[in-house]
Amino acid sequence: MKDTEIVVSEFSDTKKPGKIFIDYLQNSQGRTMICPYSLRAIEDATVSCPLEWAELKKGLKPTQFNLLTMAKRKFDPWKSILDNPQKLEVK
């Protein structure tokens, strides 16, 4: 097995080359990570939003991606997600 195929859930293992860290502890109350396209419970109603690399520019602000702007967005980041399936072996 290649090292690049190993998924780990212990942070100390992430320093080893070819490891993919899955932080399952972020799925609990009080954590700041949320699912893509989730609405954040703040005054600006920002949305967790996947971006294309071309969209990452100097001056980009989270407030640009809110409840109103996301409804108008035409970009579908998952349009071809199933075109190149991958497998990760969990140990």
PDB file of N, CA and C in Angstrom:
ATOM      1  N   MET A   1       0.847  -1.187   0.000  1.00  0.00           N
ATOM      2  CA  MET A   1       0.000   0.000   0.000  1.00  0.00           C
ATOM      3  C   MET A   1       0.890   1.247   0.000  1.00  0.00           C
ATOM      4  N   LYS A   2       0.488   2.244  -0.771  1.00  0.00           N
ATOM      5  CA  LYS A   2       1.223   3.499  -0.816  1.00  0.00           C
ATOM      6  C   LYS A   2       0.830   4.362   0.377  1.00  0.00           C
ATOM      7  N   ASP A   3       1.759   5.194   0.872  1.00  0.00           N
ATOM      8  CA  ASP A   3       1.445   6.100   1.978  1.00  0.00           C
ATOM      9  C   ASP A   3       0.362   7.096   1.616  1.00  0.00           C
ATOM     10  N   THR A   4       0.231   7.415   0.330  1.00  0.00           N
ATOM     11  CA  THR A   4      -0.756   8.413  -0.081  1.00  0.00           C
ATOM     12  C   THR A   4      -2.187   7.903   0.032  1.00  0.00           C
ATOM     13  N   GLU A   5      -2.366   6.645   0.351  1.00  0.00           N
ATOM     14  CA  GLU A   5      -3.700   6.076   0.462  1.00  0.00           C
ATOM     15  C   GLU A   5      -4.154   5.936   1.907  1.00  0.00           C
ATOM     16  N   ILE A   6      -3.424   6.471   2.845  1.00  0.00           N
ATOM     17  CA  ILE A   6      -3.733   6.267   4.255  1.00  0.00           C
ATOM     18  C   ILE A   6      -4.460   7.472   4.847  1.00  0.00           C
ATOM     19  N   VAL A   7      -5.604   7.198   5.454  1.00  0.00           N
ATOM     20  CA  VAL A   7      -6.398   8.218   6.130  1.00  0.00           C
ATOM     21  C   VAL A   7      -6.183   8.045   7.626  1.00  0.00           C
ATOM     22  N   VAL A   8      -5.936   9.152   8.336  1.00  0.00           N
ATOM     23  CA  VAL A   8      -5.695   9.083   9.779  1.00  0.00           C
ATOM     24  C   VAL A   8      -6.647  10.008  10.513  1.00  0.00           C
ATOM     25  N   SER A   9      -6.910   9.696  11.781  1.00  0.00           N
ATOM     26  CA  SER A   9      -7.763  10.553  12.593  1.00  0.00           C
ATOM     27  C   SER A   9      -7.028  11.094  13.809  1.00  0.00           C
ATOM     28  N   GLU A  10      -5.737  10.846  13.899  1.00  0.00           N
ATOM     29  CA  GLU A  10      -4.918  11.374  14.982  1.00  0.00           C
ATOM     30  C   GLU A  10      -4.037  12.482  14.420  1.00  0.00           C
ATOM     31  N   PHE A  11      -4.085  13.660  15.040  1.00  0.00           N
ATOM     32  CA  PHE A  11      -3.353  14.812  14.518  1.00  0.00           C
ATOM     33  C   PHE A  11      -1.850  14.551  14.442  1.00  0.00           C
ATOM     34  N   SER A  12      -1.301  13.803  15.390  1.00  0.00           N
ATOM     35  CA  SER A  12       0.148  13.551  15.392  1.00  0.00           C
ATOM     36  C   SER A  12       0.591  12.811  14.135  1.00  0.00           C
ATOM     37  N   ASP A  13      -0.297  12.043  13.520  1.00  0.00           N
ATOM     38  CA  ASP A  13       0.035  11.303  12.302  1.00  0.00           C
ATOM     39  C   ASP A  13       0.044  12.177  11.054  1.00  0.00           C
ATOM     40  N   THR A  14      -0.478  13.389  11.134  1.00  0.00           N
ATOM     41  CA  THR A  14      -0.596  14.229   9.935  1.00  0.00           C
ATOM     42  C   THR A  14       0.736  14.781   9.473  1.00  0.00           C
ATOM     43  N   LYS A  15       1.748  14.733  10.300  1.00  0.00           N
ATOM     44  CA  LYS A  15       3.054  15.260   9.910  1.00  0.00           C
ATOM     45  C   LYS A  15       3.807  14.280   9.010  1.00  0.00           C
ATOM     46  N   LYS A  16       3.320  13.075   8.907  1.00  0.00           N
ATOM     47  CA  LYS A  16       3.952  12.077   8.053  1.00  0.00           C
ATOM     48  C   LYS A  16       3.522  12.317   6.610  1.00  0.00           C
ATOM     49  N   PRO A  17       4.442  12.216   5.653  1.00  0.00           N
ATOM     50  CA  PRO A  17       4.090  12.457   4.235  1.00  0.00           C
ATOM     51  C   PRO A  17       3.009  11.505   3.741  1.00  0.00           C
ATOM     52  N   GLY A  18       2.119  12.027   2.903  1.00  0.00           N
ATOM     53  CA  GLY A  18       1.119  11.210   2.248  1.00  0.00           C
ATOM     54  C   GLY A  18      -0.088  10.848   3.091  1.00  0.00           C
ATOM     55  N   LYS A  19      -0.266  11.486   4.224  1.00  0.00           N
ATOM     56  CA  LYS A  19      -1.403  11.175   5.095  1.00  0.00           C
ATOM     57  C   LYS A  19      -2.539  12.164   4.866  1.00  0.00           C
ATOM     58  N   ILE A  20      -3.762  11.695   4.995  1.00  0.00           N
ATOM     59  CA  ILE A  20      -4.942  12.540   4.886  1.00  0.00           C
ATOM     60  C   ILE A  20      -5.607  12.551   6.250  1.00  0.00           C
ATOM     61  N   PHE A  21      -5.708  13.717   6.844  1.00  0.00           N
ATOM     62  CA  PHE A  21      -6.257  13.860   8.200  1.00  0.00           C
ATOM     63  C   PHE A  21      -7.745  14.142   8.136  1.00  0.00           C
ATOM     64  N   ILE A  22      -8.541  13.331   8.809  1.00  0.00           N
ATOM     65  CA  ILE A  22      -9.987  13.536   8.929  1.00  0.00           C
ATOM     66  C   ILE A  22     -10.249  13.975  10.363  1.00  0.00           C
ATOM     67  N   ASP A  23     -10.642  15.211  10.550  1.00  0.00           N
ATOM     68  CA  ASP A  23     -10.878  15.747  11.895  1.00  0.00           C
ATOM     69  C   ASP A  23     -12.351  15.601  12.254  1.00  0.00           C
ATOM     70  N   TYR A  24     -12.725  14.413  12.672  1.00  0.00           N
ATOM     71  CA  TYR A  24     -14.125  14.133  13.011  1.00  0.00           C
ATOM     72  C   TYR A  24     -14.593  14.902  14.236  1.00  0.00           C
ATOM     73  N   LEU A  25     -13.667  15.409  15.034  1.00  0.00           N
ATOM     74  CA  LEU A  25     -14.046  16.162  16.237  1.00  0.00           C
ATOM     75  C   LEU A  25     -14.640  17.531  15.902  1.00  0.00           C
ATOM     76  N   GLN A  26     -14.512  17.980  14.658  1.00  0.00           N
ATOM     77  CA  GLN A  26     -15.104  19.257  14.256  1.00  0.00           C
ATOM     78  C   GLN A  26     -16.618  19.148  14.110  1.00  0.00           C
ATOM     79  N   ASN A  27     -17.155  17.946  14.148  1.00  0.00           N
ATOM     80  CA  ASN A  27     -18.597  17.734  14.044  1.00  0.00           C
ATOM     81  C   ASN A  27     -19.243  17.735  15.422  1.00  0.00           C
ATOM     82  N   SER A  28     -19.084  18.792  16.160  1.00  0.00           N
ATOM     83  CA  SER A  28     -19.708  18.863  17.483  1.00  0.00           C
ATOM     84  C   SER A  28     -20.095  20.307  17.790  1.00  0.00           C
ATOM     85  N   GLN A  29     -20.943  20.455  18.768  1.00  0.00           N
ATOM     86  CA  GLN A  29     -21.452  21.781  19.132  1.00  0.00           C
ATOM     87  C   GLN A  29     -20.306  22.724  19.511  1.00  0.00           C
ATOM     88  N   GLY A  30     -20.411  23.953  19.039  1.00  0.00           N
ATOM     89  CA  GLY A  30     -19.418  24.970  19.368  1.00  0.00           C
ATOM     90  C   GLY A  30     -18.239  25.031  18.423  1.00  0.00           C
ATOM     91  N   ARG A  31     -18.163  24.139  17.466  1.00  0.00           N
ATOM     92  CA  ARG A  31     -17.066  24.151  16.487  1.00  0.00           C
ATOM     93  C   ARG A  31     -17.393  25.122  15.370  1.00  0.00           C
ATOM     94  N   THR A  32     -16.364  25.601  14.670  1.00  0.00           N
ATOM     95  CA  THR A  32     -16.575  26.638  13.662  1.00  0.00           C
ATOM     96  C   THR A  32     -16.707  26.103  12.240  1.00  0.00           C
ATOM     97  N   MET A  33     -16.390  24.849  12.007  1.00  0.00           N
ATOM     98  CA  MET A  33     -16.509  24.289  10.657  1.00  0.00           C
ATOM     99  C   MET A  33     -17.950  23.874  10.408  1.00  0.00           C
ATOM    100  N   ILE A  34     -18.422  24.149   9.204  1.00  0.00           N
ATOM    101  CA  ILE A  34     -19.781  23.756   8.839  1.00  0.00           C
ATOM    102  C   ILE A  34     -19.782  23.194   7.418  1.00  0.00           C
ATOM    103  N   CYS A  35     -20.859  22.600   7.044  1.00  0.00           N
ATOM    104  CA  CYS A  35     -20.994  22.006   5.710  1.00  0.00           C
ATOM    105  C   CYS A  35     -21.058  23.081   4.631  1.00  0.00           C
ATOM    106  N   PRO A  36     -20.601  22.755   3.408  1.00  0.00           N
ATOM    107  CA  PRO A  36     -20.739  23.699   2.300  1.00  0.00           C
ATOM    108  C   PRO A  36     -22.192  24.106   2.102  1.00  0.00           C
ATOM    109  N   TYR A  37     -22.382  25.358   1.779  1.00  0.00           N
ATOM    110  CA  TYR A  37     -23.684  25.977   1.546  1.00  0.00           C
ATOM    111  C   TYR A  37     -24.528  26.095   2.812  1.00  0.00           C
ATOM    112  N   SER A  38     -23.894  25.991   3.966  1.00  0.00           N
ATOM    113  CA  SER A  38     -24.629  26.202   5.210  1.00  0.00           C
ATOM    114  C   SER A  38     -24.665  27.691   5.527  1.00  0.00           C
ATOM    115  N   LEU A  39     -25.791  28.123   5.991  1.00  0.00           N
ATOM    116  CA  LEU A  39     -25.980  29.516   6.387  1.00  0.00           C
ATOM    117  C   LEU A  39     -25.382  29.706   7.780  1.00  0.00           C
ATOM    118  N   ARG A  40     -24.579  30.744   7.951  1.00  0.00           N
ATOM    119  CA  ARG A  40     -23.990  31.024   9.259  1.00  0.00           C
ATOM    120  C   ARG A  40     -24.941  31.904  10.062  1.00  0.00           C
ATOM    121  N   ALA A  41     -25.064  31.604  11.328  1.00  0.00           N
ATOM    122  CA  ALA A  41     -25.993  32.332  12.205  1.00  0.00           C
ATOM    123  C   ALA A  41     -25.356  33.624  12.705  1.00  0.00           C
ATOM    124  N   ILE A  42     -25.110  34.538  11.776  1.00  0.00           N
ATOM    125  CA  ILE A  42     -24.562  35.850  12.117  1.00  0.00           C
ATOM    126  C   ILE A  42     -25.376  36.917  11.386  1.00  0.00           C
ATOM    127  N   GLU A  43     -25.184  38.161  11.779  1.00  0.00           N
ATOM    128  CA  GLU A  43     -25.978  39.269  11.235  1.00  0.00           C
ATOM    129  C   GLU A  43     -25.915  39.370   9.710  1.00  0.00           C
ATOM    130  N   ASP A  44     -24.731  39.134   9.121  1.00  0.00           N
ATOM    131  CA  ASP A  44     -24.583  39.266   7.669  1.00  0.00           C
ATOM    132  C   ASP A  44     -25.145  38.085   6.887  1.00  0.00           C
ATOM    133  N   ALA A  45     -25.544  37.020   7.577  1.00  0.00           N
ATOM    134  CA  ALA A  45     -26.090  35.805   6.948  1.00  0.00           C
ATOM    135  C   ALA A  45     -25.155  35.273   5.867  1.00  0.00           C
ATOM    136  N   THR A  46     -23.865  35.172   6.192  1.00  0.00           N
ATOM    137  CA  THR A  46     -22.911  34.626   5.230  1.00  0.00           C
ATOM    138  C   THR A  46     -23.135  33.130   5.080  1.00  0.00           C
ATOM    139  N   VAL A  47     -22.637  32.606   3.946  1.00  0.00           N
ATOM    140  CA  VAL A  47     -22.834  31.207   3.601  1.00  0.00           C
ATOM    141  C   VAL A  47     -21.471  30.555   3.408  1.00  0.00           C
ATOM    142  N   SER A  48     -21.306  29.368   3.963  1.00  0.00           N
ATOM    143  CA  SER A  48     -20.109  28.580   3.708  1.00  0.00           C
ATOM    144  C   SER A  48     -20.173  28.145   2.254  1.00  0.00           C
ATOM    145  N   CYS A  49     -19.182  28.542   1.468  1.00  0.00           N
ATOM    146  CA  CYS A  49     -19.302  28.392   0.024  1.00  0.00           C
ATOM    147  C   CYS A  49     -18.010  27.884  -0.612  1.00  0.00           C
ATOM    148  N   PRO A  50     -18.078  26.766  -1.348  1.00  0.00           N
ATOM    149  CA  PRO A  50     -16.905  26.326  -2.105  1.00  0.00           C
ATOM    150  C   PRO A  50     -16.600  27.346  -3.204  1.00  0.00           C
ATOM    151  N   LEU A  51     -15.328  27.595  -3.439  1.00  0.00           N
ATOM    152  CA  LEU A  51     -14.918  28.557  -4.462  1.00  0.00           C
ATOM    153  C   LEU A  51     -14.031  27.888  -5.492  1.00  0.00           C
ATOM    154  N   GLU A  52     -14.006  28.459  -6.678  1.00  0.00           N
ATOM    155  CA  GLU A  52     -13.039  28.054  -7.688  1.00  0.00           C
ATOM    156  C   GLU A  52     -11.730  28.766  -7.382  1.00  0.00           C
ATOM    157  N   TRP A  53     -10.612  28.190  -7.810  1.00  0.00           N
ATOM    158  CA  TRP A  53      -9.320  28.830  -7.563  1.00  0.00           C
ATOM    159  C   TRP A  53      -9.296  30.240  -8.140  1.00  0.00           C
ATOM    160  N   ALA A  54      -9.932  30.436  -9.280  1.00  0.00           N
ATOM    161  CA  ALA A  54      -9.944  31.747  -9.940  1.00  0.00           C
ATOM    162  C   ALA A  54     -10.657  32.804  -9.100  1.00  0.00           C
ATOM    163  N   GLU A  55     -11.520  32.383  -8.196  1.00  0.00           N
ATOM    164  CA  GLU A  55     -12.260  33.322  -7.356  1.00  0.00           C
ATOM    165  C   GLU A  55     -11.446  33.819  -6.168  1.00  0.00           C
ATOM    166  N   LEU A  56     -10.355  33.149  -5.870  1.00  0.00           N
ATOM    167  CA  LEU A  56      -9.520  33.544  -4.730  1.00  0.00           C
ATOM    168  C   LEU A  56      -8.620  34.704  -5.140  1.00  0.00           C
ATOM    169  N   LYS A  57      -9.028  35.893  -4.750  1.00  0.00           N
ATOM    170  CA  LYS A  57      -8.305  37.106  -5.115  1.00  0.00           C
ATOM    171  C   LYS A  57      -8.095  37.968  -3.883  1.00  0.00           C
ATOM    172  N   LYS A  58      -7.112  38.832  -3.947  1.00  0.00           N
ATOM    173  CA  LYS A  58      -6.857  39.775  -2.862  1.00  0.00           C
ATOM    174  C   LYS A  58      -8.103  40.635  -2.641  1.00  0.00           C
ATOM    175  N   GLY A  59      -8.478  40.806  -1.401  1.00  0.00           N
ATOM    176  CA  GLY A  59      -9.633  41.631  -1.079  1.00  0.00           C
ATOM    177  C   GLY A  59     -10.939  40.856  -0.969  1.00  0.00           C
ATOM    178  N   LEU A  60     -10.892  39.547  -1.200  1.00  0.00           N
ATOM    179  CA  LEU A  60     -12.096  38.717  -1.088  1.00  0.00           C
ATOM    180  C   LEU A  60     -12.606  38.750   0.348  1.00  0.00           C
ATOM    181  N   LYS A  61     -13.894  38.958   0.521  1.00  0.00           N
ATOM    182  CA  LYS A  61     -14.489  39.051   1.857  1.00  0.00           C
ATOM    183  C   LYS A  61     -15.624  38.041   2.000  1.00  0.00           C
ATOM    184  N   PRO A  62     -15.726  37.401   3.162  1.00  0.00           N
ATOM    185  CA  PRO A  62     -16.809  36.435   3.388  1.00  0.00           C
ATOM    186  C   PRO A  62     -18.198  37.037   3.191  1.00  0.00           C
ATOM    187  N   THR A  63     -18.336  38.324   3.442  1.00  0.00           N
ATOM    188  CA  THR A  63     -19.655  38.960   3.309  1.00  0.00           C
ATOM    189  C   THR A  63     -20.145  39.003   1.855  1.00  0.00           C
ATOM    190  N   GLN A  64     -19.245  38.741   0.895  1.00  0.00           N
ATOM    191  CA  GLN A  64     -19.643  38.690  -0.507  1.00  0.00           C
ATOM    192  C   GLN A  64     -20.509  37.452  -0.791  1.00  0.00           C
ATOM    193  N   PHE A  65     -20.463  36.482   0.104  1.00  0.00           N
ATOM    194  CA  PHE A  65     -21.183  35.226  -0.073  1.00  0.00           C
ATOM    195  C   PHE A  65     -22.222  35.120   1.034  1.00  0.00           C
ATOM    196  N   ASN A  66     -23.401  35.642   0.753  1.00  0.00           N
ATOM    197  CA  ASN A  66     -24.451  35.677   1.771  1.00  0.00           C
ATOM    198  C   ASN A  66     -25.747  35.086   1.213  1.00  0.00           C
ATOM    199  N   LEU A  67     -26.760  35.106   2.030  1.00  0.00           N
ATOM    200  CA  LEU A  67     -28.049  34.519   1.672  1.00  0.00           C
ATOM    201  C   LEU A  67     -28.581  35.052   0.336  1.00  0.00           C
ATOM    202  N   LEU A  68     -28.424  36.334   0.085  1.00  0.00           N
ATOM    203  CA  LEU A  68     -28.952  36.934  -1.147  1.00  0.00           C
ATOM    204  C   LEU A  68     -28.077  36.665  -2.365  1.00  0.00           C
ATOM    205  N   THR A  69     -26.751  36.776  -2.212  1.00  0.00           N
ATOM    206  CA  THR A  69     -25.863  36.581  -3.360  1.00  0.00           C
ATOM    207  C   THR A  69     -25.780  35.117  -3.783  1.00  0.00           C
ATOM    208  N   MET A  70     -25.885  34.207  -2.833  1.00  0.00           N
ATOM    209  CA  MET A  70     -25.791  32.783  -3.172  1.00  0.00           C
ATOM    210  C   MET A  70     -26.993  32.322  -3.989  1.00  0.00           C
ATOM    211  N   ALA A  71     -28.142  32.912  -3.770  1.00  0.00           N
ATOM    212  CA  ALA A  71     -29.334  32.554  -4.530  1.00  0.00           C
ATOM    213  C   ALA A  71     -29.179  32.905  -6.010  1.00  0.00           C
ATOM    214  N   LYS A  72     -28.333  33.874  -6.317  1.00  0.00           N
ATOM    215  CA  LYS A  72     -28.114  34.314  -7.694  1.00  0.00           C
ATOM    216  C   LYS A  72     -26.936  33.609  -8.356  1.00  0.00           C
ATOM    217  N   ARG A  73     -26.161  32.874  -7.594  1.00  0.00           N
ATOM    218  CA  ARG A  73     -24.944  32.246  -8.090  1.00  0.00           C
ATOM    219  C   ARG A  73     -25.269  31.113  -9.069  1.00  0.00           C
ATOM    220  N   LYS A  74     -24.575  31.085 -10.199  1.00  0.00           N
ATOM    221  CA  LYS A  74     -24.794  30.075 -11.233  1.00  0.00           C
ATOM    222  C   LYS A  74     -23.750  28.962 -11.183  1.00  0.00           C
ATOM    223  N   PHE A  75     -22.639  29.188 -10.517  1.00  0.00           N
ATOM    224  CA  PHE A  75     -21.528  28.243 -10.457  1.00  0.00           C
ATOM    225  C   PHE A  75     -21.904  26.998  -9.652  1.00  0.00           C
ATOM    226  N   ASP A  76     -21.616  25.819 -10.193  1.00  0.00           N
ATOM    227  CA  ASP A  76     -21.870  24.556  -9.501  1.00  0.00           C
ATOM    228  C   ASP A  76     -20.536  23.835  -9.294  1.00  0.00           C
ATOM    229  N   PRO A  77     -19.936  23.951  -8.103  1.00  0.00           N
ATOM    230  CA  PRO A  77     -18.611  23.364  -7.864  1.00  0.00           C
ATOM    231  C   PRO A  77     -18.609  21.838  -7.905  1.00  0.00           C
ATOM    232  N   TRP A  78     -19.761  21.214  -7.773  1.00  0.00           N
ATOM    233  CA  TRP A  78     -19.826  19.758  -7.763  1.00  0.00           C
ATOM    234  C   TRP A  78     -20.380  19.184  -9.063  1.00  0.00           C
ATOM    235  N   LYS A  79     -20.432  20.000 -10.088  1.00  0.00           N
ATOM    236  CA  LYS A  79     -21.006  19.590 -11.374  1.00  0.00           C
ATOM    237  C   LYS A  79     -20.392  18.273 -11.879  1.00  0.00           C
ATOM    238  N   SER A  80     -19.095  18.118 -11.793  1.00  0.00           N
ATOM    239  CA  SER A  80     -18.431  16.918 -12.326  1.00  0.00           C
ATOM    240  C   SER A  80     -17.736  16.106 -11.226  1.00  0.00           C
ATOM    241  N   ILE A  81     -18.238  16.196 -10.007  1.00  0.00           N
ATOM    242  CA  ILE A  81     -17.582  15.534  -8.879  1.00  0.00           C
ATOM    243  C   ILE A  81     -17.507  14.013  -9.036  1.00  0.00           C
ATOM    244  N   LEU A  82     -18.463  13.418  -9.720  1.00  0.00           N
ATOM    245  CA  LEU A  82     -18.473  11.966  -9.882  1.00  0.00           C
ATOM    246  C   LEU A  82     -17.732  11.492 -11.128  1.00  0.00           C
ATOM    247  N   ASP A  83     -17.155  12.420 -11.897  1.00  0.00           N
ATOM    248  CA  ASP A  83     -16.439  12.059 -13.112  1.00  0.00           C
ATOM    249  C   ASP A  83     -15.122  11.348 -12.849  1.00  0.00           C
ATOM    250  N   ASN A  84     -14.514  11.582 -11.691  1.00  0.00           N
ATOM    251  CA  ASN A  84     -13.215  10.996 -11.364  1.00  0.00           C
ATOM    252  C   ASN A  84     -13.256  10.441  -9.938  1.00  0.00           C
ATOM    253  N   PRO A  85     -13.952   9.321  -9.725  1.00  0.00           N
ATOM    254  CA  PRO A  85     -14.091   8.783  -8.368  1.00  0.00           C
ATOM    255  C   PRO A  85     -12.753   8.371  -7.772  1.00  0.00           C
ATOM    256  N   GLN A  86     -12.620   8.550  -6.478  1.00  0.00           N
ATOM    257  CA  GLN A  86     -11.407   8.204  -5.752  1.00  0.00           C
ATOM    258  C   GLN A  86     -11.757   7.255  -4.615  1.00  0.00           C
ATOM    259  N   LYS A  87     -10.763   6.505  -4.150  1.00  0.00           N
ATOM    260  CA  LYS A  87     -10.958   5.626  -2.998  1.00  0.00           C
ATOM    261  C   LYS A  87      -9.916   5.981  -1.953  1.00  0.00           C
ATOM    262  N   LEU A  88     -10.333   6.017  -0.715  1.00  0.00           N
ATOM    263  CA  LEU A  88      -9.433   6.224   0.406  1.00  0.00           C
ATOM    264  C   LEU A  88      -9.550   5.008   1.318  1.00  0.00           C
ATOM    265  N   GLU A  89      -8.427   4.395   1.622  1.00  0.00           N
ATOM    266  CA  GLU A  89      -8.459   3.251   2.520  1.00  0.00           C
ATOM    267  C   GLU A  89      -8.306   3.746   3.949  1.00  0.00           C
ATOM    268  N   VAL A  90      -9.219   3.380   4.796  1.00  0.00           N
ATOM    269  CA  VAL A  90      -9.186   3.790   6.192  1.00  0.00           C
ATOM    270  C   VAL A  90      -8.601   2.660   7.014  1.00  0.00           C
ATOM    271  N   LYS A  91      -7.622   2.994   7.838  1.00  0.00           N
ATOM    272  CA  LYS A  91      -6.994   1.986   8.707  1.00  0.00           C
ATOM    273  C   LYS A  91      -7.245   2.299  10.143  1.00  0.00           C
TER     274      LYS A  91
END
